[in-house]
């Protein structure tokens, strides 16, 4: 994975550190949290150019539209519902790369300062410079993933944010910011995002969507998905390799699959910077097992009783034999009884 368009932001254009609730090793925030995003980069977020680039590549357009469950003819209409903004915090998302004619998901962290498109609920939906489709992150602790690539100097795992899913929201409970189940209360009127001004650092209201002129297009033939229907948990895809073993560490990208149409690529990326959840670990071939050497035969030790006997173990066996009888001249003679001589 490559995170494109990551630039330096002023110090006053950043999400407050105490915003959000601790969750899965990072912090969860509402997508409509004031100050979560800043005003968009007009140079990187050209919605009309993104739409034309996708429609000019039918294979990429079909893969891009398949992430959101729409047809390729509805891509301009869906892009018109998105709003270009800039991330004010490192954000955890499910990114996609185009290979073998389809979009392959993998977990990634976009650096603060990356220009993205968000929907009316404030969920990142595409990277401006790469046009990669984005989805909510996997429902798993961030500590269960191995960080790949070179993290930027300000990167900290506990400061990584993710947008809360549609069935939960962050609220204040007894003076403590907590993530609770249940959808947030809808705001009255048209959806509006409160973003930080890139130059002044003050909050401004930004209407959601409406950046394309759709007058010359055919009418929409299908209903577009709602932001709540797409803001669901992404399931990580397990890696399948010949020598894969069960491990608590999750891979950050699906294994490479060769494509007849060309190598895997990130659609339309112009500038890139590695993300801490980027490159997949290279699968290692199984180590060949060498044949076990045959045991060495024990030396044959002849014995006096059995000259051709072979000891049963690797070491010679010491056998005990009965003691030989002593020679006749070394035998002890019984003592003679004292003789009685008459006294004189």
Protein backbone atom coordinates (compact mmCIF):
# COMPACT_ATOMS: atom_id res chain seq x y z
CA UNK A 1 0.00 0.00 0.00
CA UNK A 2 1.16 3.54 -0.74
CA UNK A 3 -0.37 6.60 0.92
CA UNK A 4 -0.30 9.47 -1.55
CA UNK A 5 -0.74 13.18 -1.08
CA UNK A 6 0.56 13.29 2.49
CA UNK A 7 1.72 16.85 3.15
CA UNK A 8 2.74 18.94 6.11
CA UNK A 9 -0.04 20.73 7.96
CA UNK A 10 0.30 23.71 10.31
CA UNK A 11 0.37 22.92 13.98
CA UNK A 12 -3.05 24.47 14.57
CA UNK A 13 -4.66 22.25 11.89
CA UNK A 14 -4.77 19.01 13.86
CA UNK A 15 -7.32 16.96 15.71
CA UNK A 16 -7.31 17.62 19.43
CA UNK A 17 -5.55 14.85 21.35
CA UNK A 18 -8.41 14.37 23.83
CA UNK A 19 -11.04 13.82 21.11
CA UNK A 20 -12.33 10.28 20.69
CA UNK A 21 -12.58 7.18 22.83
CA UNK A 22 -9.87 4.54 23.26
CA UNK A 23 -10.74 1.52 21.15
CA UNK A 24 -8.73 -1.45 19.81
CA UNK A 25 -5.35 0.12 20.49
CA UNK A 26 -6.20 3.49 18.89
CA UNK A 27 -9.09 5.89 19.26
CA UNK A 28 -12.53 5.95 17.70
CA UNK A 29 -14.17 9.21 16.64
CA UNK A 30 -17.45 10.18 15.04
CA UNK A 31 -17.22 10.96 11.34
CA UNK A 32 -18.93 14.30 11.88
CA UNK A 33 -16.59 15.32 14.73
CA UNK A 34 -15.70 19.03 14.33
CA UNK A 35 -12.05 19.39 13.35
CA UNK A 36 -11.62 15.79 12.19
CA UNK A 37 -10.91 17.10 8.68
CA UNK A 38 -9.55 20.28 7.13
CA UNK A 39 -10.44 22.11 3.93
CA UNK A 40 -9.59 20.03 0.86
CA UNK A 41 -6.62 20.34 -1.45
CA UNK A 42 -8.08 21.57 -4.75
CA UNK A 43 -4.98 20.56 -6.68
CA UNK A 44 -5.10 16.92 -5.54
CA UNK A 45 -8.89 16.49 -5.36
CA UNK A 46 -10.14 17.02 -8.90
CA UNK A 47 -13.46 15.16 -8.88
CA UNK A 48 -14.13 15.61 -12.59
CA UNK A 49 -10.67 14.29 -13.51
CA UNK A 50 -11.14 11.34 -11.18
CA UNK A 51 -14.46 10.47 -12.80
CA UNK A 52 -13.02 10.75 -16.32
CA UNK A 53 -9.99 8.65 -15.37
CA UNK A 54 -12.15 5.86 -14.02
CA UNK A 55 -14.60 5.88 -16.91
CA UNK A 56 -11.70 5.67 -19.39
CA UNK A 57 -10.55 2.36 -17.83
CA UNK A 58 -13.50 -0.08 -17.79
CA UNK A 59 -11.65 -2.73 -15.76
CA UNK A 60 -10.58 -0.26 -13.08
CA UNK A 61 -14.03 1.35 -13.07
CA UNK A 62 -15.73 -2.01 -12.51
CA UNK A 63 -13.37 -2.85 -9.65
CA UNK A 64 -13.80 0.62 -8.11
CA UNK A 65 -17.60 0.47 -8.33
CA UNK A 66 -17.67 -3.06 -6.93
CA UNK A 67 -16.26 -1.82 -3.61
CA UNK A 68 -19.40 0.29 -3.09
CA UNK A 69 -21.89 -2.07 -4.75
CA UNK A 70 -22.80 0.23 -7.63
CA UNK A 71 -22.56 0.02 -11.42
CA UNK A 72 -19.95 1.85 -13.46
CA UNK A 73 -22.63 4.19 -14.84
CA UNK A 74 -23.35 5.39 -11.28
CA UNK A 75 -19.74 6.37 -10.51
CA UNK A 76 -20.18 10.10 -11.34
CA UNK A 77 -23.36 10.25 -9.27
CA UNK A 78 -21.66 8.61 -6.29
CA UNK A 79 -18.62 10.89 -6.59
CA UNK A 80 -21.00 13.85 -6.49
CA UNK A 81 -22.05 12.80 -2.97
CA UNK A 82 -18.45 12.89 -1.67
CA UNK A 83 -16.56 15.86 -0.25
CA UNK A 84 -12.79 16.48 -0.64
CA UNK A 85 -11.06 17.09 2.71
CA UNK A 86 -7.65 16.67 4.33
CA UNK A 87 -7.00 14.34 7.27
CA UNK A 88 -5.99 16.08 10.49
CA UNK A 89 -4.92 12.81 12.18
CA UNK A 90 -3.40 9.50 11.13
CA UNK A 91 -6.42 7.46 10.05
CA UNK A 92 -6.90 3.68 9.87
CA UNK A 93 -8.81 2.53 6.77
CA UNK A 94 -9.20 -0.46 4.46
CA UNK A 95 -7.42 0.47 1.25
CA UNK A 96 -7.56 -1.37 -2.09
CA UNK A 97 -5.11 -2.15 -4.84
CA UNK A 98 -6.06 -3.11 -8.39
CA UNK A 99 -4.82 -6.52 -9.58
CA UNK A 100 -6.22 -9.31 -11.73
CA UNK A 101 -9.20 -7.17 -12.68
CA UNK A 102 -10.49 -6.62 -9.17
CA UNK A 103 -9.88 -4.50 -6.07
CA UNK A 104 -7.97 -6.37 -3.37
CA UNK A 105 -8.46 -4.96 0.17
CA UNK A 106 -5.70 -4.54 2.73
CA UNK A 107 -5.35 -2.62 5.99
CA UNK A 108 -3.54 0.73 5.85
CA UNK A 109 -2.93 3.90 7.82
CA UNK A 110 -3.15 7.21 5.96
CA UNK A 111 -0.87 9.92 7.24
CA UNK A 112 -2.16 13.19 8.58
CA UNK A 113 -2.31 15.62 5.66
CA UNK A 114 -3.55 13.09 3.09
CA UNK A 115 -6.30 14.44 0.81
CA UNK A 116 -9.31 12.09 0.70
CA UNK A 117 -12.98 12.04 -0.22
CA UNK A 118 -15.50 11.48 2.59
CA UNK A 119 -19.22 10.80 2.45
CA UNK A 120 -21.98 12.62 4.31
CA UNK A 121 -21.23 10.58 7.47
CA UNK A 122 -17.55 11.59 7.42
CA UNK A 123 -16.23 8.15 6.40
CA UNK A 124 -13.20 8.19 4.02
CA UNK A 125 -14.21 6.74 0.65
CA UNK A 126 -11.33 7.43 -1.78
CA UNK A 127 -7.81 8.82 -1.93
CA UNK A 128 -7.71 11.96 -4.04
CA UNK A 129 -4.34 11.49 -5.74
CA UNK A 130 -4.59 7.73 -6.28
CA UNK A 131 -8.38 7.27 -6.68
CA UNK A 132 -8.08 4.15 -4.51
CA UNK A 133 -11.45 3.24 -2.96
CA UNK A 134 -11.51 3.20 0.82
CA UNK A 135 -13.68 1.33 3.32
CA UNK A 136 -13.92 1.21 7.13
CA UNK A 137 -11.12 -0.69 8.87
CA UNK A 138 -11.30 -4.24 10.14
CA UNK A 139 -12.87 -4.89 13.54
CA UNK A 140 -9.64 -6.12 15.13
CA UNK A 141 -7.05 -4.61 17.49
CA UNK A 142 -4.47 -2.55 15.69
CA UNK A 143 -1.75 -4.21 17.75
CA UNK A 144 -2.48 -7.50 16.00
CA UNK A 145 -1.03 -6.14 12.75
CA UNK A 146 2.63 -5.95 11.86
CA UNK A 147 3.74 -2.50 10.76
CA UNK A 148 5.50 -2.52 7.41
CA UNK A 149 7.47 0.31 5.85
CA UNK A 150 9.10 3.33 7.47
CA UNK A 151 6.72 5.21 9.82
CA UNK A 152 6.83 9.00 9.74
CA UNK A 153 8.38 10.79 12.74
CA UNK A 154 5.06 11.76 14.37
CA UNK A 155 3.49 8.30 14.04
CA UNK A 156 2.15 6.73 17.26
CA UNK A 157 -0.13 3.71 17.33
CA UNK A 158 -2.25 5.00 20.21
CA UNK A 159 -2.94 8.22 18.27
CA UNK A 160 -4.29 6.46 15.17
CA UNK A 161 -7.97 7.30 14.66
CA UNK A 162 -10.76 5.40 12.97
CA UNK A 163 -14.29 6.51 12.23
CA UNK A 164 -16.88 4.70 14.35
CA UNK A 165 -19.11 2.23 12.54
CA UNK A 166 -22.75 2.99 11.77
CA UNK A 167 -24.01 0.93 14.74
CA UNK A 168 -21.92 2.81 17.35
CA UNK A 169 -20.96 6.35 18.23
CA UNK A 170 -18.72 8.25 20.63
CA UNK A 171 -20.43 10.22 23.38
CA UNK A 172 -19.83 11.58 26.85
CA UNK A 173 -20.96 9.27 29.68
CA UNK A 174 -20.56 10.64 33.21
CA UNK A 175 -17.75 12.94 32.12
CA UNK A 176 -15.87 10.20 30.21
CA UNK A 177 -15.71 9.94 26.42
CA UNK A 178 -16.94 6.44 25.64
CA UNK A 179 -17.79 4.40 22.56
CA UNK A 180 -21.34 3.15 22.98
CA UNK A 181 -23.55 0.99 20.72
CA UNK A 182 -26.27 2.60 18.68
CA UNK A 183 -26.37 4.92 15.70
CA UNK A 184 -25.86 8.63 16.38
CA UNK A 185 -28.83 10.99 16.18
CA UNK A 186 -29.16 12.43 12.65
CA UNK A 187 -28.54 16.15 12.30
CA UNK A 188 -31.47 18.21 10.95
CA UNK A 189 -31.25 19.67 7.48
CA UNK A 190 -28.71 19.00 4.75
CA UNK A 191 -25.50 17.21 5.81
CA UNK A 192 -22.74 19.68 6.70
CA UNK A 193 -19.19 18.94 7.84
CA UNK A 194 -17.38 21.22 10.29
CA UNK A 195 -13.79 21.31 9.07
CA UNK A 196 -10.73 23.35 9.96
CA UNK A 197 -9.65 26.14 7.66
CA UNK A 198 -6.29 25.26 6.20
CA UNK A 199 -4.94 28.80 6.59
CA UNK A 200 -6.54 30.11 9.79
CA UNK A 201 -7.17 26.89 11.77
CA UNK A 202 -10.76 27.99 12.52
CA UNK A 203 -13.84 25.80 12.08
CA UNK A 204 -15.92 26.41 8.97
CA UNK A 205 -19.00 24.64 7.63
CA UNK A 206 -18.56 22.68 4.41
CA UNK A 207 -21.63 21.30 2.56
CA UNK A 208 -21.37 17.61 1.69
CA UNK A 209 -21.01 16.74 -2.01
CA UNK A 210 -22.23 18.68 -5.02
CA UNK A 211 -18.88 19.22 -6.77
CA UNK A 212 -19.84 17.81 -10.21
CA UNK A 213 -22.09 19.02 -13.00
CA UNK A 214 -24.26 16.03 -13.96
CA UNK A 215 -26.47 17.81 -16.47
CA UNK A 216 -25.03 16.04 -19.53
CA UNK A 217 -25.18 12.52 -18.13
CA UNK A 218 -27.96 9.98 -18.51
CA UNK A 219 -30.34 9.75 -15.57
CA UNK A 220 -29.50 7.56 -12.61
CA UNK A 221 -31.04 4.10 -12.93
CA UNK A 222 -30.34 2.70 -9.45
CA UNK A 223 -30.45 3.99 -5.88
CA UNK A 224 -27.10 4.94 -4.40
CA UNK A 225 -26.02 3.28 -1.16
CA UNK A 226 -26.47 5.28 2.00
CA UNK A 227 -23.43 6.16 4.12
CA UNK A 228 -24.75 4.00 6.97
CA UNK A 229 -25.10 0.92 4.76
CA UNK A 230 -21.44 1.14 3.72
CA UNK A 231 -20.06 1.99 7.16
CA UNK A 232 -19.76 -1.61 8.35
CA UNK A 233 -16.91 -3.69 9.68
CA UNK A 234 -14.43 -5.02 7.15
CA UNK A 235 -13.30 -8.59 7.62
CA UNK A 236 -9.55 -9.18 7.14
CA UNK A 237 -8.76 -11.80 4.54
CA UNK A 238 -6.45 -14.54 5.88
CA UNK A 239 -3.24 -15.30 4.07
CA UNK A 240 -2.99 -18.71 2.46
CA UNK A 241 0.51 -19.93 1.75
CA UNK A 242 1.87 -23.47 1.45
CA UNK A 243 3.70 -23.23 4.76
CA UNK A 244 1.29 -20.92 6.61
CA UNK A 245 0.87 -21.56 10.33
CA UNK A 246 -1.54 -20.14 12.88
CA UNK A 247 -0.21 -16.87 14.23
CA UNK A 248 -1.78 -13.97 16.14
CA UNK A 249 -0.04 -11.53 13.81
CA UNK A 250 -2.17 -10.60 10.83
CA UNK A 251 -0.89 -9.81 7.41
CA UNK A 252 -1.52 -6.32 6.08
CA UNK A 253 -2.08 -7.23 2.46
CA UNK A 254 -3.35 -10.24 0.52
CA UNK A 255 -0.73 -12.38 -1.23
CA UNK A 256 0.33 -11.38 -4.71
CA UNK A 257 -1.50 -13.12 -7.51
CA UNK A 258 0.03 -13.00 -10.98
CA UNK A 259 -2.17 -11.33 -13.55
CA UNK A 260 -2.30 -11.93 -17.25
CA UNK A 261 -3.15 -8.27 -17.84
CA UNK A 262 -0.10 -6.95 -16.00
CA UNK A 263 1.42 -6.56 -12.54
CA UNK A 264 -0.43 -5.31 -9.51
CA UNK A 265 -0.72 -1.54 -9.39
CA UNK A 266 -2.28 1.23 -7.40
CA UNK A 267 -4.70 3.02 -9.69
CA UNK A 268 -3.55 6.46 -10.80
CA UNK A 269 -0.97 7.18 -8.08
CA UNK A 270 1.27 10.12 -8.91
CA UNK A 271 3.11 10.71 -5.66
CA UNK A 272 3.52 8.14 -2.94
CA UNK A 273 4.84 7.73 0.55
CA UNK A 274 5.06 4.40 2.38
CA UNK A 275 2.49 3.72 5.05
CA UNK A 276 3.32 1.89 8.30
CA UNK A 277 0.89 -0.85 7.18
CA UNK A 278 2.12 -1.21 3.65
CA UNK A 279 4.16 -3.96 2.13
CA UNK A 280 3.29 -7.60 2.78
CA UNK A 281 5.89 -9.94 4.25
CA UNK A 282 7.66 -11.96 1.57
CA UNK A 283 6.63 -15.63 1.92
CA UNK A 284 9.65 -17.84 2.51
CA UNK A 285 10.05 -21.19 0.82
CA UNK A 286 10.03 -24.18 3.16
CA UNK A 287 13.52 -25.23 4.26
CA UNK A 288 14.45 -28.64 2.78
CA UNK A 289 14.98 -31.28 5.42
CA UNK A 290 18.29 -33.06 5.15
CA UNK A 291 18.31 -36.84 5.51
CA UNK A 292 19.26 -38.05 8.94
CA UNK A 293 22.65 -39.81 8.96
CA UNK A 294 22.57 -43.51 9.67
CA UNK A 295 23.80 -44.53 13.12
CA UNK A 296 27.38 -45.73 13.22
CA UNK A 297 27.90 -49.34 14.01
CA UNK A 298 29.48 -50.07 17.37
CA UNK A 299 32.98 -51.56 17.24
CA UNK A 300 33.14 -55.29 17.61
CA UNK A 301 34.96 -56.16 20.81
CA UNK A 302 35.91 -59.82 21.17
CA UNK A 303 35.59 -61.43 24.55
CA UNK A 304 37.39 -64.37 26.03
CA UNK A 305 34.23 -66.33 26.53
CA UNK A 306 32.57 -65.42 23.24
CA UNK A 307 35.24 -64.36 20.73
CA UNK A 308 32.67 -63.38 18.07
CA UNK A 309 30.14 -61.72 20.37
CA UNK A 310 29.05 -58.18 19.56
CA UNK A 311 28.12 -55.82 22.35
CA UNK A 312 24.50 -54.52 22.13
CA UNK A 313 25.28 -50.81 22.61
CA UNK A 314 27.54 -48.16 21.15
CA UNK A 315 30.01 -48.72 23.97
CA UNK A 316 31.89 -51.93 24.79
CA UNK A 317 30.35 -53.94 27.59
CA UNK A 318 32.56 -55.03 30.44
CA UNK A 319 31.69 -58.54 31.43
CA UNK A 320 32.66 -60.15 34.71
CA UNK A 321 33.99 -63.70 34.78
CA UNK A 322 34.37 -66.05 37.76
CA UNK A 323 37.72 -65.91 39.54
CA UNK A 324 40.25 -68.52 38.47
CA UNK A 325 41.44 -71.01 41.04
CA UNK A 326 44.81 -70.16 42.51
CA UNK A 327 47.81 -72.37 41.73
CA UNK A 328 48.46 -75.22 44.06
CA UNK A 329 51.64 -73.72 45.46
CA UNK A 330 49.84 -70.58 46.50
CA UNK A 331 47.15 -72.40 48.46
CA UNK A 332 47.22 -71.97 52.17
CA UNK A 333 48.10 -75.04 54.15
CA UNK A 334 46.10 -75.78 57.24
CA UNK A 335 48.06 -75.12 60.44
CA UNK A 336 49.60 -78.16 62.14
CA UNK A 337 48.34 -79.03 65.58
CA UNK A 338 50.95 -78.52 68.33
CA UNK A 339 52.75 -81.77 69.27
CA UNK A 340 52.91 -82.85 72.87
CA UNK A 341 56.54 -83.67 73.93
CA UNK A 342 57.35 -85.18 77.26
CA UNK A 343 59.09 -82.93 79.74
CA UNK A 344 62.62 -83.82 80.70
